[in-house]
Amino acid sequence: MRIYVAVDAELLRQLAAGERVSAPAFRAETEDEEDEAAALEDAAEHGCVVVAADVDGTDDVTLEDVAALHVDLDGTGDLAWFATQEIDAVLRIVQEH
């Protein structure tokens, strides 16, 4: 199941360090693309980074669960997509803002 987890810089650091994190998670009502986008947008309102993760019935996430990271780079609400391998770059971006 895909969830969208709203995290702050500290939780993102913990995730990058290999720790399991728990934060507000949002789920799409259906597998419809519009519902997925709505869940992603809801999560973006609650954290500076949205972690898209595939989990089995839990809101706890490890880096292994993460499919992508999403960040609003310029305050427009448009979310940029980052791969998990770019987590250090996302951390730098978040720390600069």
PDB file of N, CA and C in Angstrom:
ATOM      1  N   MET A   1       0.836  -1.159   0.000  1.00  0.00           N
ATOM      2  CA  MET A   1       0.000   0.000   0.000  1.00  0.00           C
ATOM      3  C   MET A   1       0.896   1.242   0.000  1.00  0.00           C
ATOM      4  N   ARG A   2       0.592   2.199  -0.870  1.00  0.00           N
ATOM      5  CA  ARG A   2       1.353   3.446  -0.955  1.00  0.00           C
ATOM      6  C   ARG A   2       0.781   4.448   0.049  1.00  0.00           C
ATOM      7  N   ILE A   3       1.675   5.000   0.850  1.00  0.00           N
ATOM      8  CA  ILE A   3       1.305   6.080   1.756  1.00  0.00           C
ATOM      9  C   ILE A   3       2.201   7.277   1.485  1.00  0.00           C
ATOM     10  N   TYR A   4       1.726   8.430   1.900  1.00  0.00           N
ATOM     11  CA  TYR A   4       2.477   9.671   1.750  1.00  0.00           C
ATOM     12  C   TYR A   4       2.679  10.223   3.145  1.00  0.00           C
ATOM     13  N   VAL A   5       3.933  10.307   3.566  1.00  0.00           N
ATOM     14  CA  VAL A   5       4.272  10.670   4.935  1.00  0.00           C
ATOM     15  C   VAL A   5       4.899  12.058   4.947  1.00  0.00           C
ATOM     16  N   ALA A   6       4.336  12.932   5.766  1.00  0.00           N
ATOM     17  CA  ALA A   6       4.848  14.289   5.909  1.00  0.00           C
ATOM     18  C   ALA A   6       5.940  14.299   6.968  1.00  0.00           C
ATOM     19  N   VAL A   7       7.160  14.695   6.568  1.00  0.00           N
ATOM     20  CA  VAL A   7       8.274  14.709   7.511  1.00  0.00           C
ATOM     21  C   VAL A   7       8.936  16.083   7.540  1.00  0.00           C
ATOM     22  N   ASP A   8       9.598  16.348   8.653  1.00  0.00           N
ATOM     23  CA  ASP A   8      10.408  17.560   8.777  1.00  0.00           C
ATOM     24  C   ASP A   8      11.880  17.163   8.617  1.00  0.00           C
ATOM     25  N   ALA A   9      12.771  18.138   8.753  1.00  0.00           N
ATOM     26  CA  ALA A   9      14.199  17.881   8.544  1.00  0.00           C
ATOM     27  C   ALA A   9      14.733  16.827   9.504  1.00  0.00           C
ATOM     28  N   GLU A  10      14.318  16.875  10.762  1.00  0.00           N
ATOM     29  CA  GLU A  10      14.818  15.912  11.751  1.00  0.00           C
ATOM     30  C   GLU A  10      14.407  14.481  11.399  1.00  0.00           C
ATOM     31  N   LEU A  11      13.146  14.284  11.038  1.00  0.00           N
ATOM     32  CA  LEU A  11      12.705  12.939  10.655  1.00  0.00           C
ATOM     33  C   LEU A  11      13.393  12.476   9.371  1.00  0.00           C
ATOM     34  N   LEU A  12      13.645  13.404   8.458  1.00  0.00           N
ATOM     35  CA  LEU A  12      14.354  13.042   7.236  1.00  0.00           C
ATOM     36  C   LEU A  12      15.780  12.608   7.550  1.00  0.00           C
ATOM     37  N   ARG A  13      16.442  13.289   8.491  1.00  0.00           N
ATOM     38  CA  ARG A  13      17.790  12.879   8.927  1.00  0.00           C
ATOM     39  C   ARG A  13      17.749  11.472   9.529  1.00  0.00           C
ATOM     40  N   GLN A  14      16.740  11.206  10.353  1.00  0.00           N
ATOM     41  CA  GLN A  14      16.615   9.878  10.961  1.00  0.00           C
ATOM     42  C   GLN A  14      16.408   8.808   9.887  1.00  0.00           C
ATOM     43  N   LEU A  15      15.580   9.118   8.903  1.00  0.00           N
ATOM     44  CA  LEU A  15      15.332   8.181   7.813  1.00  0.00           C
ATOM     45  C   LEU A  15      16.623   7.910   7.038  1.00  0.00           C
ATOM     46  N   ALA A  16      17.381   8.966   6.751  1.00  0.00           N
ATOM     47  CA  ALA A  16      18.652   8.824   6.026  1.00  0.00           C
ATOM     48  C   ALA A  16      19.654   7.996   6.822  1.00  0.00           C
ATOM     49  N   ALA A  17      19.559   8.050   8.160  1.00  0.00           N
ATOM     50  CA  ALA A  17      20.463   7.301   9.028  1.00  0.00           C
ATOM     51  C   ALA A  17      20.042   5.837   9.179  1.00  0.00           C
ATOM     52  N   GLY A  18      18.967   5.458   8.511  1.00  0.00           N
ATOM     53  CA  GLY A  18      18.522   4.073   8.569  1.00  0.00           C
ATOM     54  C   GLY A  18      17.521   3.771   9.663  1.00  0.00           C
ATOM     55  N   GLU A  19      17.045   4.800  10.339  1.00  0.00           N
ATOM     56  CA  GLU A  19      16.082   4.600  11.412  1.00  0.00           C
ATOM     57  C   GLU A  19      14.665   4.477  10.860  1.00  0.00           C
ATOM     58  N   ARG A  20      13.816   3.868  11.645  1.00  0.00           N
ATOM     59  CA  ARG A  20      12.391   3.771  11.334  1.00  0.00           C
ATOM     60  C   ARG A  20      11.731   5.033  11.872  1.00  0.00           C
ATOM     61  N   VAL A  21      10.902   5.687  11.041  1.00  0.00           N
ATOM     62  CA  VAL A  21      10.234   6.909  11.474  1.00  0.00           C
ATOM     63  C   VAL A  21       8.724   6.754  11.362  1.00  0.00           C
ATOM     64  N   SER A  22       8.044   7.520  12.184  1.00  0.00           N
ATOM     65  CA  SER A  22       6.592   7.556  12.161  1.00  0.00           C
ATOM     66  C   SER A  22       6.165   9.012  12.163  1.00  0.00           C
ATOM     67  N   ALA A  23       5.282   9.375  11.245  1.00  0.00           N
ATOM     68  CA  ALA A  23       4.810  10.745  11.109  1.00  0.00           C
ATOM     69  C   ALA A  23       3.426  10.695  10.461  1.00  0.00           C
ATOM     70  N   PRO A  24       2.758  11.851  10.359  1.00  0.00           N
ATOM     71  CA  PRO A  24       1.431  11.843   9.727  1.00  0.00           C
ATOM     72  C   PRO A  24       1.477  11.217   8.334  1.00  0.00           C
ATOM     73  N   ALA A  25       0.627  10.227   8.117  1.00  0.00           N
ATOM     74  CA  ALA A  25       0.580   9.517   6.838  1.00  0.00           C
ATOM     75  C   ALA A  25      -0.783   9.726   6.186  1.00  0.00           C
ATOM     76  N   PHE A  26      -0.762   9.864   4.883  1.00  0.00           N
ATOM     77  CA  PHE A  26      -1.973  10.094   4.107  1.00  0.00           C
ATOM     78  C   PHE A  26      -2.079   9.013   3.045  1.00  0.00           C
ATOM     79  N   ARG A  27      -3.302   8.532   2.844  1.00  0.00           N
ATOM     80  CA  ARG A  27      -3.551   7.460   1.881  1.00  0.00           C
ATOM     81  C   ARG A  27      -4.577   7.926   0.858  1.00  0.00           C
ATOM     82  N   ALA A  28      -4.422   7.442  -0.354  1.00  0.00           N
ATOM     83  CA  ALA A  28      -5.418   7.706  -1.382  1.00  0.00           C
ATOM     84  C   ALA A  28      -6.658   6.869  -1.083  1.00  0.00           C
ATOM     85  N   GLU A  29      -7.817   7.433  -1.379  1.00  0.00           N
ATOM     86  CA  GLU A  29      -9.062   6.695  -1.145  1.00  0.00           C
ATOM     87  C   GLU A  29      -9.205   5.520  -2.096  1.00  0.00           C
ATOM     88  N   THR A  30      -8.647   5.680  -3.309  1.00  0.00           N
ATOM     89  CA  THR A  30      -8.654   4.606  -4.305  1.00  0.00           C
ATOM     90  C   THR A  30      -7.280   4.593  -4.975  1.00  0.00           C
ATOM     91  N   GLU A  31      -7.096   3.711  -5.924  1.00  0.00           N
ATOM     92  CA  GLU A  31      -5.845   3.669  -6.673  1.00  0.00           C
ATOM     93  C   GLU A  31      -5.876   4.625  -7.864  1.00  0.00           C
ATOM     94  N   ASP A  32      -6.929   5.414  -7.968  1.00  0.00           N
ATOM     95  CA  ASP A  32      -7.059   6.394  -9.037  1.00  0.00           C
ATOM     96  C   ASP A  32      -5.958   7.446  -8.925  1.00  0.00           C
ATOM     97  N   GLU A  33      -5.422   7.857 -10.049  1.00  0.00           N
ATOM     98  CA  GLU A  33      -4.320   8.813 -10.079  1.00  0.00           C
ATOM     99  C   GLU A  33      -4.683  10.134  -9.391  1.00  0.00           C
ATOM    100  N   GLU A  34      -5.914  10.590  -9.542  1.00  0.00           N
ATOM    101  CA  GLU A  34      -6.343  11.835  -8.904  1.00  0.00           C
ATOM    102  C   GLU A  34      -6.376  11.699  -7.384  1.00  0.00           C
ATOM    103  N   ASP A  35      -6.801  10.554  -6.882  1.00  0.00           N
ATOM    104  CA  ASP A  35      -6.811  10.322  -5.437  1.00  0.00           C
ATOM    105  C   ASP A  35      -5.386  10.246  -4.893  1.00  0.00           C
ATOM    106  N   GLU A  36      -4.493   9.633  -5.653  1.00  0.00           N
ATOM    107  CA  GLU A  36      -3.088   9.571  -5.252  1.00  0.00           C
ATOM    108  C   GLU A  36      -2.514  10.986  -5.162  1.00  0.00           C
ATOM    109  N   ALA A  37      -2.800  11.809  -6.161  1.00  0.00           N
ATOM    110  CA  ALA A  37      -2.309  13.188  -6.165  1.00  0.00           C
ATOM    111  C   ALA A  37      -2.881  13.976  -4.991  1.00  0.00           C
ATOM    112  N   ALA A  38      -4.140  13.751  -4.663  1.00  0.00           N
ATOM    113  CA  ALA A  38      -4.766  14.452  -3.536  1.00  0.00           C
ATOM    114  C   ALA A  38      -4.099  14.063  -2.213  1.00  0.00           C
ATOM    115  N   ALA A  39      -3.781  12.792  -2.039  1.00  0.00           N
ATOM    116  CA  ALA A  39      -3.109  12.338  -0.814  1.00  0.00           C
ATOM    117  C   ALA A  39      -1.716  12.951  -0.722  1.00  0.00           C
ATOM    118  N   LEU A  40      -1.013  13.024  -1.835  1.00  0.00           N
ATOM    119  CA  LEU A  40       0.311  13.641  -1.882  1.00  0.00           C
ATOM    120  C   LEU A  40       0.226  15.121  -1.502  1.00  0.00           C
ATOM    121  N   GLU A  41      -0.745  15.820  -2.052  1.00  0.00           N
ATOM    122  CA  GLU A  41      -0.928  17.243  -1.746  1.00  0.00           C
ATOM    123  C   GLU A  41      -1.305  17.454  -0.277  1.00  0.00           C
ATOM    124  N   ASP A  42      -2.164  16.588   0.254  1.00  0.00           N
ATOM    125  CA  ASP A  42      -2.528  16.682   1.678  1.00  0.00           C
ATOM    126  C   ASP A  42      -1.290  16.546   2.559  1.00  0.00           C
ATOM    127  N   ALA A  43      -0.448  15.579   2.232  1.00  0.00           N
ATOM    128  CA  ALA A  43       0.765  15.376   3.013  1.00  0.00           C
ATOM    129  C   ALA A  43       1.685  16.587   2.919  1.00  0.00           C
ATOM    130  N   ALA A  44       1.752  17.198   1.743  1.00  0.00           N
ATOM    131  CA  ALA A  44       2.636  18.353   1.539  1.00  0.00           C
ATOM    132  C   ALA A  44       2.232  19.530   2.423  1.00  0.00           C
ATOM    133  N   GLU A  45       0.981  19.595   2.816  1.00  0.00           N
ATOM    134  CA  GLU A  45       0.516  20.672   3.696  1.00  0.00           C
ATOM    135  C   GLU A  45       0.963  20.468   5.142  1.00  0.00           C
ATOM    136  N   HIS A  46       1.488  19.290   5.457  1.00  0.00           N
ATOM    137  CA  HIS A  46       1.829  18.950   6.844  1.00  0.00           C
ATOM    138  C   HIS A  46       3.311  18.741   7.099  1.00  0.00           C
ATOM    139  N   GLY A  47       4.152  18.886   6.092  1.00  0.00           N
ATOM    140  CA  GLY A  47       5.586  18.693   6.286  1.00  0.00           C
ATOM    141  C   GLY A  47       6.368  19.300   5.143  1.00  0.00           C
ATOM    142  N   CYS A  48       7.635  19.562   5.358  1.00  0.00           N
ATOM    143  CA  CYS A  48       8.446  20.180   4.305  1.00  0.00           C
ATOM    144  C   CYS A  48       8.877  19.171   3.245  1.00  0.00           C
ATOM    145  N   VAL A  49       8.804  17.886   3.577  1.00  0.00           N
ATOM    146  CA  VAL A  49       9.125  16.823   2.625  1.00  0.00           C
ATOM    147  C   VAL A  49       8.027  15.768   2.722  1.00  0.00           C
ATOM    148  N   VAL A  50       7.630  15.256   1.561  1.00  0.00           N
ATOM    149  CA  VAL A  50       6.683  14.143   1.535  1.00  0.00           C
ATOM    150  C   VAL A  50       7.434  12.898   1.093  1.00  0.00           C
ATOM    151  N   VAL A  51       7.332  11.876   1.904  1.00  0.00           N
ATOM    152  CA  VAL A  51       7.948  10.594   1.608  1.00  0.00           C
ATOM    153  C   VAL A  51       6.851   9.673   1.066  1.00  0.00           C
ATOM    154  N   ALA A  52       6.992   9.252  -0.181  1.00  0.00           N
ATOM    155  CA  ALA A  52       6.084   8.271  -0.758  1.00  0.00           C
ATOM    156  C   ALA A  52       6.669   6.900  -0.454  1.00  0.00           C
ATOM    157  N   ALA A  53       5.901   6.079   0.257  1.00  0.00           N
ATOM    158  CA  ALA A  53       6.437   4.786   0.696  1.00  0.00           C
ATOM    159  C   ALA A  53       5.421   3.678   0.463  1.00  0.00           C
ATOM    160  N   ASP A  54       5.939   2.511   0.211  1.00  0.00           N
ATOM    161  CA  ASP A  54       5.109   1.321   0.053  1.00  0.00           C
ATOM    162  C   ASP A  54       5.276   0.465   1.296  1.00  0.00           C
ATOM    163  N   VAL A  55       4.185   0.333   2.054  1.00  0.00           N
ATOM    164  CA  VAL A  55       4.222  -0.385   3.321  1.00  0.00           C
ATOM    165  C   VAL A  55       3.089  -1.400   3.388  1.00  0.00           C
ATOM    166  N   ASP A  56       3.187  -2.293   4.358  1.00  0.00           N
ATOM    167  CA  ASP A  56       2.153  -3.293   4.586  1.00  0.00           C
ATOM    168  C   ASP A  56       1.408  -2.982   5.879  1.00  0.00           C
ATOM    169  N   GLY A  57       0.432  -2.108   5.805  1.00  0.00           N
ATOM    170  CA  GLY A  57      -0.458  -1.861   6.933  1.00  0.00           C
ATOM    171  C   GLY A  57       0.119  -1.075   8.096  1.00  0.00           C
ATOM    172  N   THR A  58       1.212  -0.378   7.916  1.00  0.00           N
ATOM    173  CA  THR A  58       1.789   0.404   9.000  1.00  0.00           C
ATOM    174  C   THR A  58       2.098   1.810   8.503  1.00  0.00           C
ATOM    175  N   ASP A  59       2.211   2.750   9.424  1.00  0.00           N
ATOM    176  CA  ASP A  59       2.622   4.103   9.056  1.00  0.00           C
ATOM    177  C   ASP A  59       4.104   4.319   9.341  1.00  0.00           C
ATOM    178  N   ASP A  60       4.767   3.332   9.940  1.00  0.00           N
ATOM    179  CA  ASP A  60       6.203   3.409  10.189  1.00  0.00           C
ATOM    180  C   ASP A  60       6.942   3.146   8.880  1.00  0.00           C
ATOM    181  N   VAL A  61       7.969   3.950   8.625  1.00  0.00           N
ATOM    182  CA  VAL A  61       8.667   3.880   7.347  1.00  0.00           C
ATOM    183  C   VAL A  61      10.175   3.791   7.570  1.00  0.00           C
ATOM    184  N   THR A  62      10.833   2.962   6.769  1.00  0.00           N
ATOM    185  CA  THR A  62      12.288   2.938   6.711  1.00  0.00           C
ATOM    186  C   THR A  62      12.690   3.371   5.297  1.00  0.00           C
ATOM    187  N   LEU A  63      13.941   3.669   5.109  1.00  0.00           N
ATOM    188  CA  LEU A  63      14.407   4.094   3.793  1.00  0.00           C
ATOM    189  C   LEU A  63      14.151   3.016   2.739  1.00  0.00           C
ATOM    190  N   GLU A  64      14.169   1.764   3.146  1.00  0.00           N
ATOM    191  CA  GLU A  64      13.892   0.662   2.217  1.00  0.00           C
ATOM    192  C   GLU A  64      12.471   0.709   1.679  1.00  0.00           C
ATOM    193  N   ASP A  65      11.538   1.306   2.441  1.00  0.00           N
ATOM    194  CA  ASP A  65      10.141   1.406   2.025  1.00  0.00           C
ATOM    195  C   ASP A  65       9.894   2.554   1.053  1.00  0.00           C
ATOM    196  N   VAL A  66      10.822   3.494   0.999  1.00  0.00           N
ATOM    197  CA  VAL A  66      10.601   4.743   0.271  1.00  0.00           C
ATOM    198  C   VAL A  66      10.691   4.533  -1.235  1.00  0.00           C
ATOM    199  N   ALA A  67       9.678   5.039  -1.937  1.00  0.00           N
ATOM    200  CA  ALA A  67       9.664   5.005  -3.397  1.00  0.00           C
ATOM    201  C   ALA A  67      10.202   6.312  -3.968  1.00  0.00           C
ATOM    202  N   ALA A  68       9.910   7.436  -3.283  1.00  0.00           N
ATOM    203  CA  ALA A  68      10.350   8.747  -3.756  1.00  0.00           C
ATOM    204  C   ALA A  68      10.196   9.776  -2.647  1.00  0.00           C
ATOM    205  N   LEU A  69      10.880  10.891  -2.837  1.00  0.00           N
ATOM    206  CA  LEU A  69      10.775  12.040  -1.944  1.00  0.00           C
ATOM    207  C   LEU A  69      10.240  13.202  -2.770  1.00  0.00           C
ATOM    208  N   HIS A  70       9.381  14.013  -2.176  1.00  0.00           N
ATOM    209  CA  HIS A  70       8.783  15.143  -2.882  1.00  0.00           C
ATOM    210  C   HIS A  70       8.977  16.407  -2.061  1.00  0.00           C
ATOM    211  N   VAL A  71       9.420  17.488  -2.734  1.00  0.00           N
ATOM    212  CA  VAL A  71       9.721  18.744  -2.050  1.00  0.00           C
ATOM    213  C   VAL A  71       9.203  19.910  -2.884  1.00  0.00           C
ATOM    214  N   ASP A  72       8.595  20.890  -2.198  1.00  0.00           N
ATOM    215  CA  ASP A  72       8.195  22.147  -2.836  1.00  0.00           C
ATOM    216  C   ASP A  72       9.423  23.059  -2.804  1.00  0.00           C
ATOM    217  N   LEU A  73      10.116  23.182  -3.912  1.00  0.00           N
ATOM    218  CA  LEU A  73      11.381  23.914  -3.952  1.00  0.00           C
ATOM    219  C   LEU A  73      11.231  25.430  -3.943  1.00  0.00           C
ATOM    220  N   ASP A  74      10.121  25.913  -4.481  1.00  0.00           N
ATOM    221  CA  ASP A  74       9.996  27.362  -4.648  1.00  0.00           C
ATOM    222  C   ASP A  74       8.745  27.974  -4.039  1.00  0.00           C
ATOM    223  N   GLY A  75       8.021  27.221  -3.229  1.00  0.00           N
ATOM    224  CA  GLY A  75       6.841  27.752  -2.560  1.00  0.00           C
ATOM    225  C   GLY A  75       5.606  27.850  -3.430  1.00  0.00           C
ATOM    226  N   THR A  76       5.643  27.276  -4.624  1.00  0.00           N
ATOM    227  CA  THR A  76       4.493  27.346  -5.524  1.00  0.00           C
ATOM    228  C   THR A  76       3.480  26.230  -5.285  1.00  0.00           C
ATOM    229  N   GLY A  77       3.873  25.223  -4.528  1.00  0.00           N
ATOM    230  CA  GLY A  77       3.006  24.066  -4.336  1.00  0.00           C
ATOM    231  C   GLY A  77       3.311  22.946  -5.306  1.00  0.00           C
ATOM    232  N   ASP A  78       4.119  23.232  -6.332  1.00  0.00           N
ATOM    233  CA  ASP A  78       4.544  22.187  -7.267  1.00  0.00           C
ATOM    234  C   ASP A  78       5.647  21.382  -6.599  1.00  0.00           C
ATOM    235  N   LEU A  79       5.462  20.087  -6.548  1.00  0.00           N
ATOM    236  CA  LEU A  79       6.410  19.237  -5.838  1.00  0.00           C
ATOM    237  C   LEU A  79       7.418  18.622  -6.794  1.00  0.00           C
ATOM    238  N   ALA A  80       8.684  18.780  -6.475  1.00  0.00           N
ATOM    239  CA  ALA A  80       9.759  18.157  -7.241  1.00  0.00           C
ATOM    240  C   ALA A  80       9.959  16.734  -6.727  1.00  0.00           C
ATOM    241  N   TRP A  81      10.287  15.840  -7.626  1.00  0.00           N
ATOM    242  CA  TRP A  81      10.482  14.428  -7.314  1.00  0.00           C
ATOM    243  C   TRP A  81      11.965  14.152  -7.148  1.00  0.00           C
ATOM    244  N   PHE A  82      12.303  13.392  -6.098  1.00  0.00           N
ATOM    245  CA  PHE A  82      13.680  12.977  -5.865  1.00  0.00           C
ATOM    246  C   PHE A  82      13.708  11.479  -5.580  1.00  0.00           C
ATOM    247  N   ALA A  83      14.721  10.805  -6.091  1.00  0.00           N
ATOM    248  CA  ALA A  83      14.928   9.387  -5.800  1.00  0.00           C
ATOM    249  C   ALA A  83      15.522   9.242  -4.403  1.00  0.00           C
ATOM    250  N   THR A  84      15.421   8.069  -3.838  1.00  0.00           N
ATOM    251  CA  THR A  84      15.957   7.841  -2.495  1.00  0.00           C
ATOM    252  C   THR A  84      17.466   8.066  -2.444  1.00  0.00           C
ATOM    253  N   GLN A  85      18.148   7.825  -3.554  1.00  0.00           N
ATOM    254  CA  GLN A  85      19.591   8.032  -3.596  1.00  0.00           C
ATOM    255  C   GLN A  85      19.949   9.516  -3.452  1.00  0.00           C
ATOM    256  N   GLU A  86      18.972  10.393  -3.597  1.00  0.00           N
ATOM    257  CA  GLU A  86      19.201  11.838  -3.506  1.00  0.00           C
ATOM    258  C   GLU A  86      18.813  12.405  -2.136  1.00  0.00           C
ATOM    259  N   ILE A  87      18.650  11.547  -1.142  1.00  0.00           N
ATOM    260  CA  ILE A  87      18.178  11.991   0.171  1.00  0.00           C
ATOM    261  C   ILE A  87      19.127  13.027   0.790  1.00  0.00           C
ATOM    262  N   ASP A  88      20.426  12.901   0.574  1.00  0.00           N
ATOM    263  CA  ASP A  88      21.368  13.892   1.118  1.00  0.00           C
ATOM    264  C   ASP A  88      21.148  15.262   0.471  1.00  0.00           C
ATOM    265  N   ALA A  89      20.869  15.288  -0.821  1.00  0.00           N
ATOM    266  CA  ALA A  89      20.583  16.549  -1.512  1.00  0.00           C
ATOM    267  C   ALA A  89      19.283  17.160  -0.983  1.00  0.00           C
ATOM    268  N   VAL A  90      18.290  16.327  -0.731  1.00  0.00           N
ATOM    269  CA  VAL A  90      17.021  16.818  -0.175  1.00  0.00           C
ATOM    270  C   VAL A  90      17.258  17.393   1.213  1.00  0.00           C
ATOM    271  N   LEU A  91      18.071  16.740   2.005  1.00  0.00           N
ATOM    272  CA  LEU A  91      18.403  17.269   3.337  1.00  0.00           C
ATOM    273  C   LEU A  91      19.054  18.650   3.236  1.00  0.00           C
ATOM    274  N   ARG A  92      19.966  18.807   2.293  1.00  0.00           N
ATOM    275  CA  ARG A  92      20.611  20.118   2.113  1.00  0.00           C
ATOM    276  C   ARG A  92      19.584  21.176   1.716  1.00  0.00           C
ATOM    277  N   ILE A  93      18.689  20.832   0.808  1.00  0.00           N
ATOM    278  CA  ILE A  93      17.653  21.767   0.373  1.00  0.00           C
ATOM    279  C   ILE A  93      16.772  22.187   1.536  1.00  0.00           C
ATOM    280  N   VAL A  94      16.348  21.242   2.331  1.00  0.00           N
ATOM    281  CA  VAL A  94      15.474  21.520   3.471  1.00  0.00           C
ATOM    282  C   VAL A  94      16.194  22.394   4.499  1.00  0.00           C
ATOM    283  N   GLN A  95      17.455  22.136   4.732  1.00  0.00           N
ATOM    284  CA  GLN A  95      18.215  22.906   5.707  1.00  0.00           C
ATOM    285  C   GLN A  95      18.444  24.337   5.247  1.00  0.00           C
ATOM    286  N   GLU A  96      18.494  24.561   3.924  1.00  0.00           N
ATOM    287  CA  GLU A  96      18.688  25.902   3.397  1.00  0.00           C
ATOM    288  C   GLU A  96      17.430  26.747   3.493  1.00  0.00           C
ATOM    289  N   HIS A  97      16.288  26.107   3.572  1.00  0.00           N
ATOM    290  CA  HIS A  97      15.023  26.849   3.617  1.00  0.00           C
ATOM    291  C   HIS A  97      14.618  27.033   5.030  1.00  0.00           C
TER     292      HIS A  97
END
